[in-house]
Amino acid sequence: MRTRRMTVADLRAAKGHRALTMLYVETPDEAAAAAAAGVDILSIIAPVWTDTMREAAGDCFVQVGLLYGGPISTDDYLRAGFAALKTGGDAFYCSAALETVRRMAAEGLPVVGHVGLVPHKATWTGGFKAVGKTAASALSVWRAMEELEAAGAVAVELEVVPARIGAELSRRSSLVTLGMGAGSGTDAQYLFAEDVLGCTRGHRPRHAKTYRNFAAEYERLQQERIDAFGEFVADVKAGRYPGPEHDVAVDETEFAAFIAGLDPV
């Protein structure tokens, strides 16, 4: 476990020297567990990025996700970025136009771009499938990375490209590559906590690896909730709850005085 939070300079220094780890988390419990486990980087979206999450994230470097379609204009992104910075964000995911990336970088906000399979732009690359399987497609990913680098981005999410392409793109770029389904040659390996914990909602991507079966545990806990609530209902109906041990006592003299003070029934 680290005793000092990583910086952008630390991330850049690690490039090509050691593999970084990265998780997308949604709750303080997940953030705290990731910090305790020694995860390097967390991705946390702006709507749930709070002081509580920053504290839970400990020494983890946190990329705050400024989700596409939330902020709209460049000024919106700047406001959102500075707000996230104030809460302790270390870098800011932005998949908006290059003009926005340039403005944010010019203000000293470390920007993380996104290339390859970009979910909200998947219609332009043929849907939810790998990108970069042809030379032309791989070169378009490379050109997008060059543009992000020139605009001042410090890192890029590189999602679902062939492993050999991912390794070559990472080797040739100064951007820290945060690989999700892009092979072992990227600078960081990035997974969603829900995939790691086996409680994925909806489709589980090919690159995901599951280490625990939280889905079964959640099902067990849900049944325990139902059983407990049902026992409560049964106890109330049968007169077993509340019992004498749950009641607040009153002195007999005070109770008699109370009754005497009431209007006759």
C-alpha atoms as a PDB file:
ATOM      1  CA  MET A   1       0.000   0.000   0.000  1.00  0.00           C
ATOM      2  CA  ARG A   2       1.357   3.406  -0.954  1.00  0.00           C
ATOM      3  CA  THR A   3       1.811   6.240   1.498  1.00  0.00           C
ATOM      4  CA  ARG A   4       1.777   9.019  -1.114  1.00  0.00           C
ATOM      5  CA  ARG A   5      -0.744   9.615  -3.846  1.00  0.00           C
ATOM      6  CA  MET A   6       0.537   9.188  -7.375  1.00  0.00           C
ATOM      7  CA  THR A   7       0.846  12.194  -9.658  1.00  0.00           C
ATOM      8  CA  VAL A   8       0.732  12.660 -13.416  1.00  0.00           C
ATOM      9  CA  ALA A   9       4.528  12.774 -13.312  1.00  0.00           C
ATOM     10  CA  ASP A  10       4.538   9.389 -11.546  1.00  0.00           C
ATOM     11  CA  LEU A  11       2.271   7.887 -14.201  1.00  0.00           C
ATOM     12  CA  ARG A  12       4.483   9.154 -16.976  1.00  0.00           C
ATOM     13  CA  ALA A  13       7.589   7.872 -15.208  1.00  0.00           C
ATOM     14  CA  ALA A  14       6.017   4.421 -14.916  1.00  0.00           C
ATOM     15  CA  LYS A  15       5.336   4.220 -18.671  1.00  0.00           C
ATOM     16  CA  GLY A  16       7.364   1.393 -20.167  1.00  0.00           C
ATOM     17  CA  HIS A  17       8.769   0.387 -16.776  1.00  0.00           C
ATOM     18  CA  ARG A  18       5.912  -1.275 -14.915  1.00  0.00           C
ATOM     19  CA  ALA A  19       2.341  -2.346 -15.503  1.00  0.00           C
ATOM     20  CA  LEU A  20      -0.230  -0.146 -13.788  1.00  0.00           C
ATOM     21  CA  THR A  21      -3.580  -1.378 -12.496  1.00  0.00           C
ATOM     22  CA  MET A  22      -6.877   0.463 -12.883  1.00  0.00           C
ATOM     23  CA  LEU A  23     -10.453  -0.150 -11.765  1.00  0.00           C
ATOM     24  CA  TYR A  24     -13.763   1.572 -12.434  1.00  0.00           C
ATOM     25  CA  VAL A  25     -15.548   1.787  -9.073  1.00  0.00           C
ATOM     26  CA  GLU A  26     -18.919   3.144  -8.028  1.00  0.00           C
ATOM     27  CA  THR A  27     -19.071   3.040  -4.222  1.00  0.00           C
ATOM     28  CA  PRO A  28     -16.891   4.088  -1.283  1.00  0.00           C
ATOM     29  CA  ASP A  29     -16.583   0.426  -0.277  1.00  0.00           C
ATOM     30  CA  GLU A  30     -15.200  -0.475  -3.701  1.00  0.00           C
ATOM     31  CA  ALA A  31     -12.836   2.513  -3.676  1.00  0.00           C
ATOM     32  CA  ALA A  32     -11.556   1.681  -0.186  1.00  0.00           C
ATOM     33  CA  ALA A  33     -11.050  -1.981  -1.122  1.00  0.00           C
ATOM     34  CA  ALA A  34      -9.128  -0.980  -4.238  1.00  0.00           C
ATOM     35  CA  ALA A  35      -6.916   1.355  -2.223  1.00  0.00           C
ATOM     36  CA  ALA A  36      -6.250  -1.332   0.390  1.00  0.00           C
ATOM     37  CA  ALA A  37      -5.385  -3.820  -2.367  1.00  0.00           C
ATOM     38  CA  GLY A  38      -2.829  -1.465  -3.901  1.00  0.00           C
ATOM     39  CA  VAL A  39      -4.648  -0.583  -7.137  1.00  0.00           C
ATOM     40  CA  ASP A  40      -2.847   2.309  -8.846  1.00  0.00           C
ATOM     41  CA  ILE A  41      -5.649   4.170 -10.639  1.00  0.00           C
ATOM     42  CA  LEU A  42      -9.382   4.469 -10.077  1.00  0.00           C
ATOM     43  CA  SER A  43     -11.969   5.697 -12.540  1.00  0.00           C
ATOM     44  CA  ILE A  44     -14.945   7.352 -10.839  1.00  0.00           C
ATOM     45  CA  ILE A  45     -17.652   9.207 -12.725  1.00  0.00           C
ATOM     46  CA  ALA A  46     -18.384  12.809 -11.806  1.00  0.00           C
ATOM     47  CA  PRO A  47     -21.939  12.256 -10.510  1.00  0.00           C
ATOM     48  CA  VAL A  48     -20.632  10.020  -7.704  1.00  0.00           C
ATOM     49  CA  TRP A  49     -17.313  11.842  -7.203  1.00  0.00           C
ATOM     50  CA  THR A  50     -17.549  13.337  -3.712  1.00  0.00           C
ATOM     51  CA  ASP A  51     -15.367  14.115  -0.712  1.00  0.00           C
ATOM     52  CA  THR A  52     -16.419  10.731   0.675  1.00  0.00           C
ATOM     53  CA  MET A  53     -15.159   8.959  -2.451  1.00  0.00           C
ATOM     54  CA  ARG A  54     -11.898  10.899  -2.359  1.00  0.00           C
ATOM     55  CA  GLU A  55     -11.309   9.825   1.230  1.00  0.00           C
ATOM     56  CA  ALA A  56     -12.201   6.218   0.417  1.00  0.00           C
ATOM     57  CA  ALA A  57      -9.824   6.205  -2.571  1.00  0.00           C
ATOM     58  CA  GLY A  58      -6.861   6.810  -0.282  1.00  0.00           C
ATOM     59  CA  ASP A  59      -3.582   6.984  -2.194  1.00  0.00           C
ATOM     60  CA  CYS A  60      -5.110   5.914  -5.506  1.00  0.00           C
ATOM     61  CA  PHE A  61      -4.719   8.251  -8.463  1.00  0.00           C
ATOM     62  CA  VAL A  62      -8.290   9.081  -9.504  1.00  0.00           C
ATOM     63  CA  GLN A  63      -9.467   9.753 -13.032  1.00  0.00           C
ATOM     64  CA  VAL A  64     -12.795  11.555 -12.721  1.00  0.00           C
ATOM     65  CA  GLY A  65     -15.113  10.746 -15.598  1.00  0.00           C
ATOM     66  CA  LEU A  66     -16.720  13.819 -17.181  1.00  0.00           C
ATOM     67  CA  LEU A  67     -19.192  11.722 -19.107  1.00  0.00           C
ATOM     68  CA  TYR A  68     -19.956  12.631 -22.688  1.00  0.00           C
ATOM     69  CA  GLY A  69     -23.328  14.329 -22.957  1.00  0.00           C
ATOM     70  CA  GLY A  70     -23.213  15.590 -19.355  1.00  0.00           C
ATOM     71  CA  PRO A  71     -21.147  18.711 -19.946  1.00  0.00           C
ATOM     72  CA  ILE A  72     -21.847  20.043 -23.433  1.00  0.00           C
ATOM     73  CA  SER A  73     -19.835  23.157 -24.239  1.00  0.00           C
ATOM     74  CA  THR A  74     -16.141  23.653 -23.616  1.00  0.00           C
ATOM     75  CA  ASP A  75     -17.012  25.993 -20.758  1.00  0.00           C
ATOM     76  CA  ASP A  76     -19.203  23.260 -19.263  1.00  0.00           C
ATOM     77  CA  TYR A  77     -16.244  20.873 -19.330  1.00  0.00           C
ATOM     78  CA  LEU A  78     -13.965  23.461 -17.759  1.00  0.00           C
ATOM     79  CA  ARG A  79     -16.425  24.087 -14.936  1.00  0.00           C
ATOM     80  CA  ALA A  80     -16.895  20.361 -14.365  1.00  0.00           C
ATOM     81  CA  GLY A  81     -13.149  19.760 -14.459  1.00  0.00           C
ATOM     82  CA  PHE A  82     -12.364  22.463 -11.921  1.00  0.00           C
ATOM     83  CA  ALA A  83     -15.191  21.250  -9.666  1.00  0.00           C
ATOM     84  CA  ALA A  84     -13.762  17.714  -9.788  1.00  0.00           C
ATOM     85  CA  LEU A  85     -10.269  19.082  -9.178  1.00  0.00           C
ATOM     86  CA  LYS A  86     -11.517  20.910  -6.090  1.00  0.00           C
ATOM     87  CA  THR A  87     -12.777  17.580  -4.736  1.00  0.00           C
ATOM     88  CA  GLY A  88      -9.355  16.040  -5.230  1.00  0.00           C
ATOM     89  CA  GLY A  89      -9.490  14.593  -8.737  1.00  0.00           C
ATOM     90  CA  ASP A  90      -6.114  13.844 -10.323  1.00  0.00           C
ATOM     91  CA  ALA A  91      -7.082  13.608 -14.013  1.00  0.00           C
ATOM     92  CA  PHE A  92     -10.252  14.078 -16.015  1.00  0.00           C
ATOM     93  CA  TYR A  93     -11.742  11.804 -18.652  1.00  0.00           C
ATOM     94  CA  CYS A  94     -12.971  13.831 -21.601  1.00  0.00           C
ATOM     95  CA  SER A  95     -14.054  12.374 -24.937  1.00  0.00           C
ATOM     96  CA  ALA A  96     -15.293  15.699 -26.300  1.00  0.00           C
ATOM     97  CA  ALA A  97     -13.841  17.571 -29.276  1.00  0.00           C
ATOM     98  CA  LEU A  98     -10.132  18.346 -29.457  1.00  0.00           C
ATOM     99  CA  GLU A  99     -10.856  22.040 -28.880  1.00  0.00           C
ATOM    100  CA  THR A 100     -12.206  21.136 -25.451  1.00  0.00           C
ATOM    101  CA  VAL A 101      -9.188  18.958 -24.692  1.00  0.00           C
ATOM    102  CA  ARG A 102      -6.888  21.847 -25.653  1.00  0.00           C
ATOM    103  CA  ARG A 103      -8.721  24.328 -23.454  1.00  0.00           C
ATOM    104  CA  MET A 104      -8.689  22.023 -20.462  1.00  0.00           C
ATOM    105  CA  ALA A 105      -5.009  21.191 -20.925  1.00  0.00           C
ATOM    106  CA  ALA A 106      -4.193  24.892 -21.325  1.00  0.00           C
ATOM    107  CA  GLU A 107      -5.740  25.484 -17.893  1.00  0.00           C
ATOM    108  CA  GLY A 108      -3.556  22.770 -16.361  1.00  0.00           C
ATOM    109  CA  LEU A 109      -6.257  20.111 -16.099  1.00  0.00           C
ATOM    110  CA  PRO A 110      -4.773  16.668 -16.893  1.00  0.00           C
ATOM    111  CA  VAL A 111      -6.997  15.194 -19.604  1.00  0.00           C
ATOM    112  CA  VAL A 112      -7.566  11.522 -20.444  1.00  0.00           C
ATOM    113  CA  GLY A 113      -8.956  10.886 -23.919  1.00  0.00           C
ATOM    114  CA  HIS A 114     -10.552   7.747 -25.393  1.00  0.00           C
ATOM    115  CA  VAL A 115      -9.844   5.842 -28.620  1.00  0.00           C
ATOM    116  CA  GLY A 116     -10.667   2.458 -30.098  1.00  0.00           C
ATOM    117  CA  LEU A 117     -14.102   1.231 -29.091  1.00  0.00           C
ATOM    118  CA  VAL A 118     -15.675   4.347 -27.566  1.00  0.00           C
ATOM    119  CA  PRO A 119     -19.137   3.135 -26.465  1.00  0.00           C
ATOM    120  CA  HIS A 120     -21.089   6.336 -27.096  1.00  0.00           C
ATOM    121  CA  LYS A 121     -19.435   6.713 -30.513  1.00  0.00           C
ATOM    122  CA  ALA A 122     -19.572   3.035 -31.490  1.00  0.00           C
ATOM    123  CA  THR A 123     -21.945   3.707 -34.375  1.00  0.00           C
ATOM    124  CA  TRP A 124     -19.044   5.352 -36.240  1.00  0.00           C
ATOM    125  CA  THR A 125     -16.840   2.251 -35.926  1.00  0.00           C
ATOM    126  CA  GLY A 126     -19.449  -0.410 -36.654  1.00  0.00           C
ATOM    127  CA  GLY A 127     -20.996  -1.043 -33.259  1.00  0.00           C
ATOM    128  CA  PHE A 128     -19.775  -2.762 -30.131  1.00  0.00           C
ATOM    129  CA  LYS A 129     -16.885  -4.708 -31.564  1.00  0.00           C
ATOM    130  CA  ALA A 130     -13.104  -4.542 -31.765  1.00  0.00           C
ATOM    131  CA  VAL A 131     -11.511  -1.601 -33.559  1.00  0.00           C
ATOM    132  CA  GLY A 132      -8.160  -1.693 -35.351  1.00  0.00           C
ATOM    133  CA  LYS A 133      -8.361  -5.131 -36.968  1.00  0.00           C
ATOM    134  CA  THR A 134      -7.506  -3.651 -40.375  1.00  0.00           C
ATOM    135  CA  ALA A 135      -4.524  -1.476 -41.164  1.00  0.00           C
ATOM    136  CA  ALA A 136      -6.786   1.440 -42.051  1.00  0.00           C
ATOM    137  CA  SER A 137      -8.743   1.149 -38.808  1.00  0.00           C
ATOM    138  CA  ALA A 138      -5.597   0.797 -36.681  1.00  0.00           C
ATOM    139  CA  LEU A 139      -4.042   3.817 -38.377  1.00  0.00           C
ATOM    140  CA  SER A 140      -7.167   5.866 -37.622  1.00  0.00           C
ATOM    141  CA  VAL A 141      -6.768   4.971 -33.948  1.00  0.00           C
ATOM    142  CA  TRP A 142      -3.117   6.024 -34.130  1.00  0.00           C
ATOM    143  CA  ARG A 143      -4.031   9.352 -35.728  1.00  0.00           C
ATOM    144  CA  ALA A 144      -6.618   9.983 -33.007  1.00  0.00           C
ATOM    145  CA  MET A 145      -3.935   9.362 -30.388  1.00  0.00           C
ATOM    146  CA  GLU A 146      -1.561  11.763 -32.136  1.00  0.00           C
ATOM    147  CA  GLU A 147      -4.253  14.430 -32.150  1.00  0.00           C
ATOM    148  CA  LEU A 148      -4.931  13.935 -28.443  1.00  0.00           C
ATOM    149  CA  GLU A 149      -1.222  14.110 -27.690  1.00  0.00           C
ATOM    150  CA  ALA A 150      -0.881  17.343 -29.684  1.00  0.00           C
ATOM    151  CA  ALA A 151      -3.914  18.779 -27.882  1.00  0.00           C
ATOM    152  CA  GLY A 152      -2.214  18.258 -24.513  1.00  0.00           C
ATOM    153  CA  ALA A 153      -3.814  15.076 -23.164  1.00  0.00           C
ATOM    154  CA  VAL A 154      -1.703  13.086 -20.716  1.00  0.00           C
ATOM    155  CA  ALA A 155      -3.340   9.677 -21.115  1.00  0.00           C
ATOM    156  CA  VAL A 156      -5.827   7.776 -23.220  1.00  0.00           C
ATOM    157  CA  GLU A 157      -8.251   4.935 -22.660  1.00  0.00           C
ATOM    158  CA  LEU A 158      -7.410   2.407 -25.370  1.00  0.00           C
ATOM    159  CA  GLU A 159     -10.397   0.084 -25.633  1.00  0.00           C
ATOM    160  CA  VAL A 160     -10.830  -3.222 -27.468  1.00  0.00           C
ATOM    161  CA  VAL A 161      -8.088  -3.229 -30.083  1.00  0.00           C
ATOM    162  CA  PRO A 162      -5.896  -6.202 -31.064  1.00  0.00           C
ATOM    163  CA  ALA A 163      -3.112  -6.847 -28.550  1.00  0.00           C
ATOM    164  CA  ARG A 164      -0.320  -6.349 -31.085  1.00  0.00           C
ATOM    165  CA  ILE A 165      -1.858  -3.047 -32.188  1.00  0.00           C
ATOM    166  CA  GLY A 166      -2.257  -1.926 -28.576  1.00  0.00           C
ATOM    167  CA  ALA A 167       1.371  -2.693 -27.788  1.00  0.00           C
ATOM    168  CA  GLU A 168       2.639  -0.811 -30.857  1.00  0.00           C
ATOM    169  CA  LEU A 169       0.429   2.210 -30.211  1.00  0.00           C
ATOM    170  CA  SER A 170       1.545   2.344 -26.592  1.00  0.00           C
ATOM    171  CA  ARG A 171       5.227   1.998 -27.496  1.00  0.00           C
ATOM    172  CA  ARG A 172       5.083   4.821 -30.034  1.00  0.00           C
ATOM    173  CA  SER A 173       3.030   7.326 -28.015  1.00  0.00           C
ATOM    174  CA  SER A 174       3.997   9.456 -25.037  1.00  0.00           C
ATOM    175  CA  LEU A 175       0.405   9.137 -23.786  1.00  0.00           C
ATOM    176  CA  VAL A 176      -0.086   6.789 -20.838  1.00  0.00           C
ATOM    177  CA  THR A 177      -2.270   4.076 -22.366  1.00  0.00           C
ATOM    178  CA  LEU A 178      -5.032   2.769 -20.117  1.00  0.00           C
ATOM    179  CA  GLY A 179      -5.830  -0.511 -21.819  1.00  0.00           C
ATOM    180  CA  MET A 180      -9.219  -2.181 -21.636  1.00  0.00           C
ATOM    181  CA  GLY A 181      -9.204  -5.241 -23.830  1.00  0.00           C
ATOM    182  CA  ALA A 182      -6.100  -3.945 -25.621  1.00  0.00           C
ATOM    183  CA  GLY A 183      -3.558  -6.574 -24.569  1.00  0.00           C
ATOM    184  CA  SER A 184      -0.687  -6.693 -22.125  1.00  0.00           C
ATOM    185  CA  GLY A 185       1.429  -4.135 -23.983  1.00  0.00           C
ATOM    186  CA  THR A 186      -0.490  -1.110 -22.727  1.00  0.00           C
ATOM    187  CA  ASP A 187       0.690   0.915 -19.738  1.00  0.00           C
ATOM    188  CA  ALA A 188      -2.258   0.049 -17.492  1.00  0.00           C
ATOM    189  CA  GLN A 189      -4.731  -2.814 -17.301  1.00  0.00           C
ATOM    190  CA  TYR A 190      -8.213  -1.410 -16.755  1.00  0.00           C
ATOM    191  CA  LEU A 191     -11.267  -3.390 -15.620  1.00  0.00           C
ATOM    192  CA  PHE A 192     -14.652  -2.617 -14.094  1.00  0.00           C
ATOM    193  CA  ALA A 193     -15.020  -3.612 -10.445  1.00  0.00           C
ATOM    194  CA  GLU A 194     -18.346  -5.280 -11.216  1.00  0.00           C
ATOM    195  CA  ASP A 195     -16.616  -7.611 -13.703  1.00  0.00           C
ATOM    196  CA  VAL A 196     -13.840  -8.447 -11.234  1.00  0.00           C
ATOM    197  CA  LEU A 197     -16.438  -9.182  -8.550  1.00  0.00           C
ATOM    198  CA  GLY A 198     -18.733 -11.226 -10.784  1.00  0.00           C
ATOM    199  CA  CYS A 199     -21.785  -8.990 -10.513  1.00  0.00           C
ATOM    200  CA  THR A 200     -21.843  -7.529 -14.025  1.00  0.00           C
ATOM    201  CA  ARG A 201     -25.095  -5.916 -15.084  1.00  0.00           C
ATOM    202  CA  GLY A 202     -25.841  -6.859 -18.680  1.00  0.00           C
ATOM    203  CA  HIS A 203     -23.169  -7.953 -21.144  1.00  0.00           C
ATOM    204  CA  ARG A 204     -19.817  -9.074 -19.756  1.00  0.00           C
ATOM    205  CA  PRO A 205     -17.066  -8.199 -22.247  1.00  0.00           C
ATOM    206  CA  ARG A 206     -14.582 -10.787 -23.495  1.00  0.00           C
ATOM    207  CA  HIS A 207     -11.625  -9.031 -21.880  1.00  0.00           C
ATOM    208  CA  ALA A 208     -13.209  -9.074 -18.410  1.00  0.00           C
ATOM    209  CA  LYS A 209     -11.862 -11.499 -15.816  1.00  0.00           C
ATOM    210  CA  THR A 210     -13.959 -12.502 -12.811  1.00  0.00           C
ATOM    211  CA  TYR A 211     -12.226 -13.197  -9.501  1.00  0.00           C
ATOM    212  CA  ARG A 212     -15.219 -13.581  -7.149  1.00  0.00           C
ATOM    213  CA  ASN A 213     -18.902 -14.535  -7.417  1.00  0.00           C
ATOM    214  CA  PHE A 214     -20.635 -11.597  -5.758  1.00  0.00           C
ATOM    215  CA  ALA A 215     -23.785 -12.226  -7.794  1.00  0.00           C
ATOM    216  CA  ALA A 216     -24.500 -15.410  -5.850  1.00  0.00           C
ATOM    217  CA  GLU A 217     -23.757 -13.642  -2.578  1.00  0.00           C
ATOM    218  CA  TYR A 218     -26.089 -10.776  -3.495  1.00  0.00           C
ATOM    219  CA  GLU A 219     -28.824 -13.301  -4.335  1.00  0.00           C
ATOM    220  CA  ARG A 220     -28.292 -14.991  -0.988  1.00  0.00           C
ATOM    221  CA  LEU A 221     -28.444 -11.657   0.835  1.00  0.00           C
ATOM    222  CA  GLN A 222     -31.605 -10.668  -1.038  1.00  0.00           C
ATOM    223  CA  GLN A 223     -33.289 -13.887   0.043  1.00  0.00           C
ATOM    224  CA  GLU A 224     -32.141 -13.192   3.603  1.00  0.00           C
ATOM    225  CA  ARG A 225     -33.766  -9.738   3.349  1.00  0.00           C
ATOM    226  CA  ILE A 226     -37.018 -11.241   2.133  1.00  0.00           C
ATOM    227  CA  ASP A 227     -36.987 -13.846   4.898  1.00  0.00           C
ATOM    228  CA  ALA A 228     -36.210 -11.267   7.597  1.00  0.00           C
ATOM    229  CA  PHE A 229     -38.936  -8.887   6.397  1.00  0.00           C
ATOM    230  CA  GLY A 230     -41.386 -11.778   6.230  1.00  0.00           C
ATOM    231  CA  GLU A 231     -40.600 -12.801   9.798  1.00  0.00           C
ATOM    232  CA  PHE A 232     -41.194  -9.217  10.897  1.00  0.00           C
ATOM    233  CA  VAL A 233     -44.607  -9.199   9.190  1.00  0.00           C
ATOM    234  CA  ALA A 234     -45.485 -12.542  10.791  1.00  0.00           C
ATOM    235  CA  ASP A 235     -44.433 -11.351  14.249  1.00  0.00           C
ATOM    236  CA  VAL A 236     -46.594  -8.223  14.013  1.00  0.00           C
ATOM    237  CA  LYS A 237     -49.609 -10.193  12.822  1.00  0.00           C
ATOM    238  CA  ALA A 238     -49.157 -12.780  15.579  1.00  0.00           C
ATOM    239  CA  GLY A 239     -48.644 -10.165  18.303  1.00  0.00           C
ATOM    240  CA  ARG A 240     -45.061 -11.254  18.964  1.00  0.00           C
ATOM    241  CA  TYR A 241     -43.656  -7.831  18.103  1.00  0.00           C
ATOM    242  CA  PRO A 242     -43.314  -5.562  19.889  1.00  0.00           C
ATOM    243  CA  GLY A 243     -42.707  -7.500  23.085  1.00  0.00           C
ATOM    244  CA  PRO A 244     -42.211  -6.244  26.636  1.00  0.00           C
ATOM    245  CA  GLU A 245     -38.470  -5.975  26.013  1.00  0.00           C
ATOM    246  CA  HIS A 246     -39.091  -3.380  23.305  1.00  0.00           C
ATOM    247  CA  ASP A 247     -41.445  -1.171  25.347  1.00  0.00           C
ATOM    248  CA  VAL A 248     -40.582   2.009  27.217  1.00  0.00           C
ATOM    249  CA  ALA A 249     -41.738   1.704  30.844  1.00  0.00           C
ATOM    250  CA  VAL A 250     -43.623   4.417  32.748  1.00  0.00           C
ATOM    251  CA  ASP A 251     -43.890   4.813  36.522  1.00  0.00           C
ATOM    252  CA  GLU A 252     -47.278   3.629  37.842  1.00  0.00           C
ATOM    253  CA  THR A 253     -47.858   6.889  39.736  1.00  0.00           C
ATOM    254  CA  GLU A 254     -47.151   8.965  36.643  1.00  0.00           C
ATOM    255  CA  PHE A 255     -49.380   6.765  34.527  1.00  0.00           C
ATOM    256  CA  ALA A 256     -52.251   7.094  37.026  1.00  0.00           C
ATOM    257  CA  ALA A 257     -51.827  10.881  37.038  1.00  0.00           C
ATOM    258  CA  PHE A 258     -51.859  10.864  33.239  1.00  0.00           C
ATOM    259  CA  ILE A 259     -55.129   8.887  33.170  1.00  0.00           C
ATOM    260  CA  ALA A 260     -56.645  11.208  35.756  1.00  0.00           C
ATOM    261  CA  GLY A 261     -55.799  14.210  33.600  1.00  0.00           C
ATOM    262  CA  LEU A 262     -57.684  12.870  30.609  1.00  0.00           C
ATOM    263  CA  ASP A 263     -61.301  13.585  29.833  1.00  0.00           C
ATOM    264  CA  PRO A 264     -63.589  10.744  30.896  1.00  0.00           C
ATOM    265  CA  VAL A 265     -64.301   8.250  28.140  1.00  0.00           C
END
